PDB file of N, CA and C in Angstrom:
ATOM      1  N   MET A   1       0.853  -1.163  -0.001  1.00  0.00           N
ATOM      2  CA  MET A   1      -0.002   0.017  -0.008  1.00  0.00           C
ATOM      3  C   MET A   1       0.872   1.205  -0.007  1.00  0.00           C
ATOM      4  N   THR A   2       0.564   2.183  -0.850  1.00  0.00           N
ATOM      5  CA  THR A   2       1.354   3.426  -0.921  1.00  0.00           C
ATOM      6  C   THR A   2       0.642   4.551  -0.141  1.00  0.00           C
ATOM      7  N   ARG A   3       1.442   5.458   0.364  1.00  0.00           N
ATOM      8  CA  ARG A   3       0.872   6.601   1.034  1.00  0.00           C
ATOM      9  C   ARG A   3       0.305   7.571   0.045  1.00  0.00           C
ATOM     10  N   PRO A   4      -0.822   8.258   0.387  1.00  0.00           N
ATOM     11  CA  PRO A   4      -1.299   9.299  -0.474  1.00  0.00           C
ATOM     12  C   PRO A   4      -0.346  10.482  -0.476  1.00  0.00           C
ATOM     13  N   GLU A   5      -0.192  11.165  -1.635  1.00  0.00           N
ATOM     14  CA  GLU A   5       0.686  12.316  -1.716  1.00  0.00           C
ATOM     15  C   GLU A   5       0.126  13.461  -0.922  1.00  0.00           C
ATOM     16  N   ARG A   6       0.941  14.089  -0.148  1.00  0.00           N
ATOM     17  CA  ARG A   6       0.562  15.309   0.635  1.00  0.00           C
ATOM     18  C   ARG A   6       0.907  16.541  -0.186  1.00  0.00           C
ATOM     19  N   ALA A   7       0.053  17.508  -0.128  1.00  0.00           N
ATOM     20  CA  ALA A   7       0.365  18.777  -0.763  1.00  0.00           C
ATOM     21  C   ALA A   7       1.492  19.423   0.031  1.00  0.00           C
ATOM     22  N   SER A   8       2.418  20.044  -0.673  1.00  0.00           N
ATOM     23  CA  SER A   8       3.535  20.737  -0.011  1.00  0.00           C
ATOM     24  C   SER A   8       2.986  21.906   0.755  1.00  0.00           C
ATOM     25  N   LEU A   9       3.579  22.152   1.934  1.00  0.00           N
ATOM     26  CA  LEU A   9       3.159  23.318   2.744  1.00  0.00           C
ATOM     27  C   LEU A   9       3.579  24.598   2.046  1.00  0.00           C
ATOM     28  N   VAL A  10       4.720  24.680   1.513  1.00  0.00           N
ATOM     29  CA  VAL A  10       5.202  25.863   0.806  1.00  0.00           C
ATOM     30  C   VAL A  10       6.108  25.432  -0.317  1.00  0.00           C
ATOM     31  N   SER A  11       6.293  26.308  -1.289  1.00  0.00           N
ATOM     32  CA  SER A  11       7.209  25.985  -2.366  1.00  0.00           C
ATOM     33  C   SER A  11       8.089  27.229  -2.667  1.00  0.00           C
ATOM     34  N   VAL A  12       9.252  26.989  -3.227  1.00  0.00           N
ATOM     35  CA  VAL A  12      10.197  28.063  -3.535  1.00  0.00           C
ATOM     36  C   VAL A  12       9.530  29.023  -4.503  1.00  0.00           C
ATOM     37  N   GLY A  13       9.612  30.323  -4.203  1.00  0.00           N
ATOM     38  CA  GLY A  13       9.009  31.333  -5.035  1.00  0.00           C
ATOM     39  C   GLY A  13       7.668  31.812  -4.513  1.00  0.00           C
ATOM     40  N   GLN A  14       7.066  30.975  -3.668  1.00  0.00           N
ATOM     41  CA  GLN A  14       5.740  31.380  -3.116  1.00  0.00           C
ATOM     42  C   GLN A  14       5.885  32.459  -2.064  1.00  0.00           C
ATOM     43  N   VAL A  15       4.929  33.399  -2.031  1.00  0.00           N
ATOM     44  CA  VAL A  15       4.863  34.444  -1.010  1.00  0.00           C
ATOM     45  C   VAL A  15       3.910  33.965   0.059  1.00  0.00           C
ATOM     46  N   VAL A  16       4.392  33.820   1.276  1.00  0.00           N
ATOM     47  CA  VAL A  16       3.617  33.277   2.386  1.00  0.00           C
ATOM     48  C   VAL A  16       3.352  34.362   3.468  1.00  0.00           C
ATOM     49  N   PRO A  17       2.067  34.676   3.688  1.00  0.00           N
ATOM     50  CA  PRO A  17       1.752  35.615   4.751  1.00  0.00           C
ATOM     51  C   PRO A  17       1.723  34.884   6.103  1.00  0.00           C
ATOM     52  N   ILE A  18       2.336  35.451   7.118  1.00  0.00           N
ATOM     53  CA  ILE A  18       2.419  34.797   8.382  1.00  0.00           C
ATOM     54  C   ILE A  18       1.989  35.763   9.482  1.00  0.00           C
ATOM     55  N   GLY A  19       0.980  35.472  10.266  1.00  0.00           N
ATOM     56  CA  GLY A  19       0.522  36.354  11.310  1.00  0.00           C
ATOM     57  C   GLY A  19       1.539  36.417  12.453  1.00  0.00           C
ATOM     58  N   GLU A  20       1.551  37.503  13.179  1.00  0.00           N
ATOM     59  CA  GLU A  20       2.485  37.712  14.273  1.00  0.00           C
ATOM     60  C   GLU A  20       2.458  36.595  15.299  1.00  0.00           C
ATOM     61  N   ALA A  21       1.256  36.062  15.600  1.00  0.00           N
ATOM     62  CA  ALA A  21       1.152  34.987  16.586  1.00  0.00           C
ATOM     63  C   ALA A  21       1.657  33.649  16.073  1.00  0.00           C
ATOM     64  N   ASP A  22       1.979  33.548  14.780  1.00  0.00           N
ATOM     65  CA  ASP A  22       2.331  32.280  14.171  1.00  0.00           C
ATOM     66  C   ASP A  22       3.799  32.139  13.826  1.00  0.00           C
ATOM     67  N   TYR A  23       4.661  33.081  14.262  1.00  0.00           N
ATOM     68  CA  TYR A  23       6.119  32.884  14.111  1.00  0.00           C
ATOM     69  C   TYR A  23       6.783  33.458  15.351  1.00  0.00           C
ATOM     70  N   CYS A  24       7.988  32.916  15.563  1.00  0.00           N
ATOM     71  CA  CYS A  24       8.731  33.278  16.789  1.00  0.00           C
ATOM     72  C   CYS A  24       9.610  34.522  16.568  1.00  0.00           C
ATOM     73  N   TYR A  25       9.649  35.313  17.606  1.00  0.00           N
ATOM     74  CA  TYR A  25      10.590  36.401  17.741  1.00  0.00           C
ATOM     75  C   TYR A  25      10.471  37.460  16.686  1.00  0.00           C
ATOM     76  N   GLY A  26       9.260  37.821  16.385  1.00  0.00           N
ATOM     77  CA  GLY A  26       8.968  38.921  15.442  1.00  0.00           C
ATOM     78  C   GLY A  26       7.854  39.776  15.939  1.00  0.00           C
ATOM     79  N   THR A  27       7.776  40.956  15.280  1.00  0.00           N
ATOM     80  CA  THR A  27       6.727  41.910  15.675  1.00  0.00           C
ATOM     81  C   THR A  27       5.948  42.252  14.385  1.00  0.00           C
ATOM     82  N   GLY A  28       4.636  42.088  14.451  1.00  0.00           N
ATOM     83  CA  GLY A  28       3.759  42.371  13.290  1.00  0.00           C
ATOM     84  C   GLY A  28       3.726  41.208  12.338  1.00  0.00           C
ATOM     85  N   PRO A  29       2.863  41.297  11.342  1.00  0.00           N
ATOM     86  CA  PRO A  29       2.761  40.222  10.339  1.00  0.00           C
ATOM     87  C   PRO A  29       4.018  40.204   9.486  1.00  0.00           C
ATOM     88  N   LEU A  30       4.292  39.035   8.919  1.00  0.00           N
ATOM     89  CA  LEU A  30       5.451  38.832   8.069  1.00  0.00           C
ATOM     90  C   LEU A  30       4.999  38.233   6.738  1.00  0.00           C
ATOM     91  N   ARG A  31       5.597  38.716   5.649  1.00  0.00           N
ATOM     92  CA  ARG A  31       5.363  38.103   4.350  1.00  0.00           C
ATOM     93  C   ARG A  31       6.755  37.672   3.787  1.00  0.00           C
ATOM     94  N   LEU A  32       6.893  36.393   3.537  1.00  0.00           N
ATOM     95  CA  LEU A  32       8.155  35.845   3.009  1.00  0.00           C
ATOM     96  C   LEU A  32       7.933  35.256   1.629  1.00  0.00           C
ATOM     97  N   ARG A  33       8.890  35.638   0.699  1.00  0.00           N
ATOM     98  CA  ARG A  33       8.965  34.908  -0.560  1.00  0.00           C
ATOM     99  C   ARG A  33      10.003  33.816  -0.285  1.00  0.00           C
ATOM    100  N   ILE A  34       9.512  32.615  -0.355  1.00  0.00           N
ATOM    101  CA  ILE A  34      10.371  31.437   0.020  1.00  0.00           C
ATOM    102  C   ILE A  34      11.494  31.276  -0.971  1.00  0.00           C
ATOM    103  N   THR A  35      12.729  31.186  -0.462  1.00  0.00           N
ATOM    104  CA  THR A  35      13.938  31.017  -1.302  1.00  0.00           C
ATOM    105  C   THR A  35      14.571  29.644  -1.192  1.00  0.00           C
ATOM    106  N   GLU A  36      14.239  28.894  -0.133  1.00  0.00           N
ATOM    107  CA  GLU A  36      14.761  27.526   0.054  1.00  0.00           C
ATOM    108  C   GLU A  36      13.651  26.630   0.459  1.00  0.00           C
ATOM    109  N   ALA A  37      13.610  25.406  -0.100  1.00  0.00           N
ATOM    110  CA  ALA A  37      12.654  24.441   0.279  1.00  0.00           C
ATOM    111  C   ALA A  37      12.959  23.996   1.730  1.00  0.00           C
ATOM    112  N   PRO A  38      11.913  23.991   2.579  1.00  0.00           N
ATOM    113  CA  PRO A  38      12.138  23.569   3.971  1.00  0.00           C
ATOM    114  C   PRO A  38      12.368  22.031   4.061  1.00  0.00           C
ATOM    115  N   ALA A  39      13.124  21.649   5.037  1.00  0.00           N
ATOM    116  CA  ALA A  39      13.390  20.217   5.222  1.00  0.00           C
ATOM    117  C   ALA A  39      12.440  19.590   6.245  1.00  0.00           C
ATOM    118  N   GLY A  40      12.185  18.313   6.124  1.00  0.00           N
ATOM    119  CA  GLY A  40      11.440  17.592   7.117  1.00  0.00           C
ATOM    120  C   GLY A  40       9.961  17.865   7.192  1.00  0.00           C
ATOM    121  N   VAL A  41       9.383  18.426   6.148  1.00  0.00           N
ATOM    122  CA  VAL A  41       7.932  18.833   6.209  1.00  0.00           C
ATOM    123  C   VAL A  41       6.976  17.641   6.199  1.00  0.00           C
ATOM    124  N   ASP A  42       7.486  16.443   5.936  1.00  0.00           N
ATOM    125  CA  ASP A  42       6.579  15.282   5.892  1.00  0.00           C
ATOM    126  C   ASP A  42       6.467  14.564   7.246  1.00  0.00           C
ATOM    127  N   HIS A  43       7.092  15.107   8.277  1.00  0.00           N
ATOM    128  CA  HIS A  43       6.976  14.509   9.613  1.00  0.00           C
ATOM    129  C   HIS A  43       5.562  14.726  10.143  1.00  0.00           C
ATOM    130  N   PRO A  44       4.852  13.660  10.509  1.00  0.00           N
ATOM    131  CA  PRO A  44       3.449  13.817  10.900  1.00  0.00           C
ATOM    132  C   PRO A  44       3.161  14.640  12.144  1.00  0.00           C
ATOM    133  N   GLY A  45       4.117  14.714  13.064  1.00  0.00           N
ATOM    134  CA  GLY A  45       3.881  15.418  14.323  1.00  0.00           C
ATOM    135  C   GLY A  45       4.500  16.828  14.304  1.00  0.00           C
ATOM    136  N   LEU A  46       4.872  17.288  13.190  1.00  0.00           N
ATOM    137  CA  LEU A  46       5.548  18.559  13.050  1.00  0.00           C
ATOM    138  C   LEU A  46       4.690  19.719  13.467  1.00  0.00           C
ATOM    139  N   GLU A  47       5.157  20.530  14.423  1.00  0.00           N
ATOM    140  CA  GLU A  47       4.367  21.710  14.886  1.00  0.00           C
ATOM    141  C   GLU A  47       4.968  23.023  14.384  1.00  0.00           C
ATOM    142  N   TRP A  48       6.278  23.081  14.227  1.00  0.00           N
ATOM    143  CA  TRP A  48       6.991  24.278  13.803  1.00  0.00           C
ATOM    144  C   TRP A  48       7.919  23.896  12.668  1.00  0.00           C
ATOM    145  N   ILE A  49       8.132  24.849  11.781  1.00  0.00           N
ATOM    146  CA  ILE A  49       9.048  24.639  10.644  1.00  0.00           C
ATOM    147  C   ILE A  49       9.864  25.917  10.385  1.00  0.00           C
ATOM    148  N   GLU A  50      11.095  25.754  10.030  1.00  0.00           N
ATOM    149  CA  GLU A  50      11.940  26.927   9.753  1.00  0.00           C
ATOM    150  C   GLU A  50      11.818  27.271   8.261  1.00  0.00           C
ATOM    151  N   LEU A  51      11.357  28.469   7.975  1.00  0.00           N
ATOM    152  CA  LEU A  51      11.249  28.909   6.567  1.00  0.00           C
ATOM    153  C   LEU A  51      12.335  29.914   6.317  1.00  0.00           C
ATOM    154  N   THR A  52      12.900  29.910   5.119  1.00  0.00           N
ATOM    155  CA  THR A  52      13.897  30.879   4.694  1.00  0.00           C
ATOM    156  C   THR A  52      13.364  31.576   3.449  1.00  0.00           C
ATOM    157  N   GLY A  53      13.478  32.912   3.518  1.00  0.00           N
ATOM    158  CA  GLY A  53      13.001  33.715   2.382  1.00  0.00           C
ATOM    159  C   GLY A  53      13.362  35.155   2.498  1.00  0.00           C
ATOM    160  N   VAL A  54      12.873  35.977   1.560  1.00  0.00           N
ATOM    161  CA  VAL A  54      13.086  37.376   1.521  1.00  0.00           C
ATOM    162  C   VAL A  54      11.785  38.048   1.960  1.00  0.00           C
ATOM    163  N   GLU A  55      11.914  39.032   2.856  1.00  0.00           N
ATOM    164  CA  GLU A  55      10.742  39.743   3.335  1.00  0.00           C
ATOM    165  C   GLU A  55      10.123  40.574   2.209  1.00  0.00           C
ATOM    166  N   ILE A  56       8.794  40.516   2.118  1.00  0.00           N
ATOM    167  CA  ILE A  56       8.065  41.213   1.068  1.00  0.00           C
ATOM    168  C   ILE A  56       7.118  42.225   1.690  1.00  0.00           C
ATOM    169  N   ARG A  57       7.130  43.474   1.170  1.00  0.00           N
ATOM    170  CA  ARG A  57       6.253  44.518   1.683  1.00  0.00           C
ATOM    171  C   ARG A  57       4.813  44.259   1.190  1.00  0.00           C
ATOM    172  N   PRO A  58       3.820  44.924   1.822  1.00  0.00           N
ATOM    173  CA  PRO A  58       2.430  44.784   1.403  1.00  0.00           C
ATOM    174  C   PRO A  58       2.199  45.098  -0.092  1.00  0.00           C
ATOM    175  N   ASP A  59       3.006  46.003  -0.675  1.00  0.00           N
ATOM    176  CA  ASP A  59       2.833  46.321  -2.095  1.00  0.00           C
ATOM    177  C   ASP A  59       3.468  45.323  -3.043  1.00  0.00           C
ATOM    178  N   GLY A  60       4.081  44.251  -2.481  1.00  0.00           N
ATOM    179  CA  GLY A  60       4.697  43.205  -3.300  1.00  0.00           C
ATOM    180  C   GLY A  60       6.151  43.382  -3.588  1.00  0.00           C
ATOM    181  N   SER A  61       6.728  44.484  -3.202  1.00  0.00           N
ATOM    182  CA  SER A  61       8.177  44.714  -3.442  1.00  0.00           C
ATOM    183  C   SER A  61       9.026  44.114  -2.290  1.00  0.00           C
ATOM    184  N   GLU A  62      10.262  43.863  -2.599  1.00  0.00           N
ATOM    185  CA  GLU A  62      11.132  43.357  -1.541  1.00  0.00           C
ATOM    186  C   GLU A  62      11.475  44.517  -0.603  1.00  0.00           C
ATOM    187  N   ALA A  63      11.597  44.216   0.659  1.00  0.00           N
ATOM    188  CA  ALA A  63      11.992  45.202   1.658  1.00  0.00           C
ATOM    189  C   ALA A  63      13.403  45.701   1.292  1.00  0.00           C
ATOM    190  N   ARG A  64      13.655  47.002   1.425  1.00  0.00           N
ATOM    191  CA  ARG A  64      14.967  47.577   1.075  1.00  0.00           C
ATOM    192  C   ARG A  64      16.098  46.870   1.767  1.00  0.00           C
ATOM    193  N   GLY A  65      17.091  46.478   0.972  1.00  0.00           N
ATOM    194  CA  GLY A  65      18.255  45.826   1.497  1.00  0.00           C
ATOM    195  C   GLY A  65      17.959  44.450   2.091  1.00  0.00           C
ATOM    196  N   SER A  66      16.856  43.891   1.602  1.00  0.00           N
ATOM    197  CA  SER A  66      16.367  42.638   2.186  1.00  0.00           C
ATOM    198  C   SER A  66      17.365  41.483   1.936  1.00  0.00           C
ATOM    199  N   GLN A  67      17.767  40.941   3.026  1.00  0.00           N
ATOM    200  CA  GLN A  67      18.613  39.725   2.973  1.00  0.00           C
ATOM    201  C   GLN A  67      17.744  38.515   3.289  1.00  0.00           C
ATOM    202  N   PRO A  68      18.095  37.351   2.791  1.00  0.00           N
ATOM    203  CA  PRO A  68      17.298  36.179   3.205  1.00  0.00           C
ATOM    204  C   PRO A  68      17.306  36.037   4.720  1.00  0.00           C
ATOM    205  N   ARG A  69      16.130  35.694   5.228  1.00  0.00           N
ATOM    206  CA  ARG A  69      16.026  35.512   6.704  1.00  0.00           C
ATOM    207  C   ARG A  69      15.280  34.223   6.950  1.00  0.00           C
ATOM    208  N   THR A  70      15.393  33.754   8.160  1.00  0.00           N
ATOM    209  CA  THR A  70      14.662  32.560   8.546  1.00  0.00           C
ATOM    210  C   THR A  70      13.624  32.953   9.592  1.00  0.00           C
ATOM    211  N   ALA A  71      12.558  32.181   9.607  1.00  0.00           N
ATOM    212  CA  ALA A  71      11.530  32.371  10.630  1.00  0.00           C
ATOM    213  C   ALA A  71      11.049  31.012  11.038  1.00  0.00           C
ATOM    214  N   LEU A  72      10.821  30.829  12.305  1.00  0.00           N
ATOM    215  CA  LEU A  72      10.250  29.631  12.872  1.00  0.00           C
ATOM    216  C   LEU A  72       8.758  29.837  12.902  1.00  0.00           C
ATOM    217  N   VAL A  73       8.030  29.039  12.079  1.00  0.00           N
ATOM    218  CA  VAL A  73       6.601  29.264  11.794  1.00  0.00           C
ATOM    219  C   VAL A  73       5.772  28.035  12.209  1.00  0.00           C
ATOM    220  N   ARG A  74       4.561  28.278  12.738  1.00  0.00           N
ATOM    221  CA  ARG A  74       3.660  27.217  13.084  1.00  0.00           C
ATOM    222  C   ARG A  74       3.180  26.550  11.808  1.00  0.00           C
ATOM    223  N   VAL A  75       3.258  25.257  11.786  1.00  0.00           N
ATOM    224  CA  VAL A  75       2.800  24.468  10.648  1.00  0.00           C
ATOM    225  C   VAL A  75       1.267  24.642  10.479  1.00  0.00           C
ATOM    226  N   ALA A  76       0.552  24.709  11.578  1.00  0.00           N
ATOM    227  CA  ALA A  76      -0.896  24.898  11.484  1.00  0.00           C
ATOM    228  C   ALA A  76      -1.263  26.152  10.731  1.00  0.00           C
ATOM    229  N   ALA A  77      -0.509  27.201  10.855  1.00  0.00           N
ATOM    230  CA  ALA A  77      -0.764  28.452  10.142  1.00  0.00           C
ATOM    231  C   ALA A  77      -0.589  28.272   8.626  1.00  0.00           C
ATOM    232  N   LEU A  78       0.358  27.405   8.245  1.00  0.00           N
ATOM    233  CA  LEU A  78       0.600  27.158   6.820  1.00  0.00           C
ATOM    234  C   LEU A  78      -0.515  26.256   6.232  1.00  0.00           C
ATOM    235  N   ARG A  79      -1.069  25.442   7.026  1.00  0.00           N
ATOM    236  CA  ARG A  79      -2.146  24.550   6.586  1.00  0.00           C
ATOM    237  C   ARG A  79      -3.481  25.235   6.613  1.00  0.00           C
ATOM    238  N   SER A  80      -3.594  26.362   7.253  1.00  0.00           N
ATOM    239  CA  SER A  80      -4.850  27.137   7.362  1.00  0.00           C
ATOM    240  C   SER A  80      -5.304  27.626   6.011  1.00  0.00           C
ATOM    241  N   PRO A  81      -6.601  27.586   5.682  1.00  0.00           N
ATOM    242  CA  PRO A  81      -7.062  28.086   4.397  1.00  0.00           C
ATOM    243  C   PRO A  81      -6.770  29.560   4.195  1.00  0.00           C
ATOM    244  N   THR A  82      -6.765  30.344   5.269  1.00  0.00           N
ATOM    245  CA  THR A  82      -6.542  31.789   5.141  1.00  0.00           C
ATOM    246  C   THR A  82      -5.054  32.151   5.123  1.00  0.00           C
ATOM    247  N   ARG A  83      -4.227  31.277   5.672  1.00  0.00           N
ATOM    248  CA  ARG A  83      -2.758  31.468   5.730  1.00  0.00           C
ATOM    249  C   ARG A  83      -2.331  32.849   6.180  1.00  0.00           C
ATOM    250  N   GLY A  84      -2.997  33.426   7.109  1.00  0.00           N
ATOM    251  CA  GLY A  84      -2.608  34.752   7.552  1.00  0.00           C
ATOM    252  C   GLY A  84      -2.403  34.769   9.048  1.00  0.00           C
ATOM    253  N   GLY A  85      -2.616  33.661   9.699  1.00  0.00           N
ATOM    254  CA  GLY A  85      -2.492  33.662  11.131  1.00  0.00           C
ATOM    255  C   GLY A  85      -3.791  33.999  11.807  1.00  0.00           C
ATOM    256  N   ARG A  86      -3.707  33.987  13.077  1.00  0.00           N
ATOM    257  CA  ARG A  86      -4.902  34.293  13.903  1.00  0.00           C
ATOM    258  C   ARG A  86      -5.127  35.752  13.958  1.00  0.00           C
ATOM    259  N   ARG A  87      -6.380  36.126  14.102  1.00  0.00           N
ATOM    260  CA  ARG A  87      -6.691  37.545  14.232  1.00  0.00           C
ATOM    261  C   ARG A  87      -7.365  37.852  15.525  1.00  0.00           C
TER     262      ARG A  87
END
């Protein structure tokens, strides 16, 4: 018996909105354009995942001088249909 394919939580190039309550050590909402595929996303008990990307402003442009950054993000927020975190 084969396992059913799971949809990927995020993919390289995707812009992911993350609410303040759904990532560690940040202030305010975060939008990341993913630059590296995260590792270990198929673990069934995964609660947090490290995402790497470039911060994106609300108008869609990269933040000035934006360097790739990492953020520890709740997996539940990525699986949420709204993908914006709790309000």
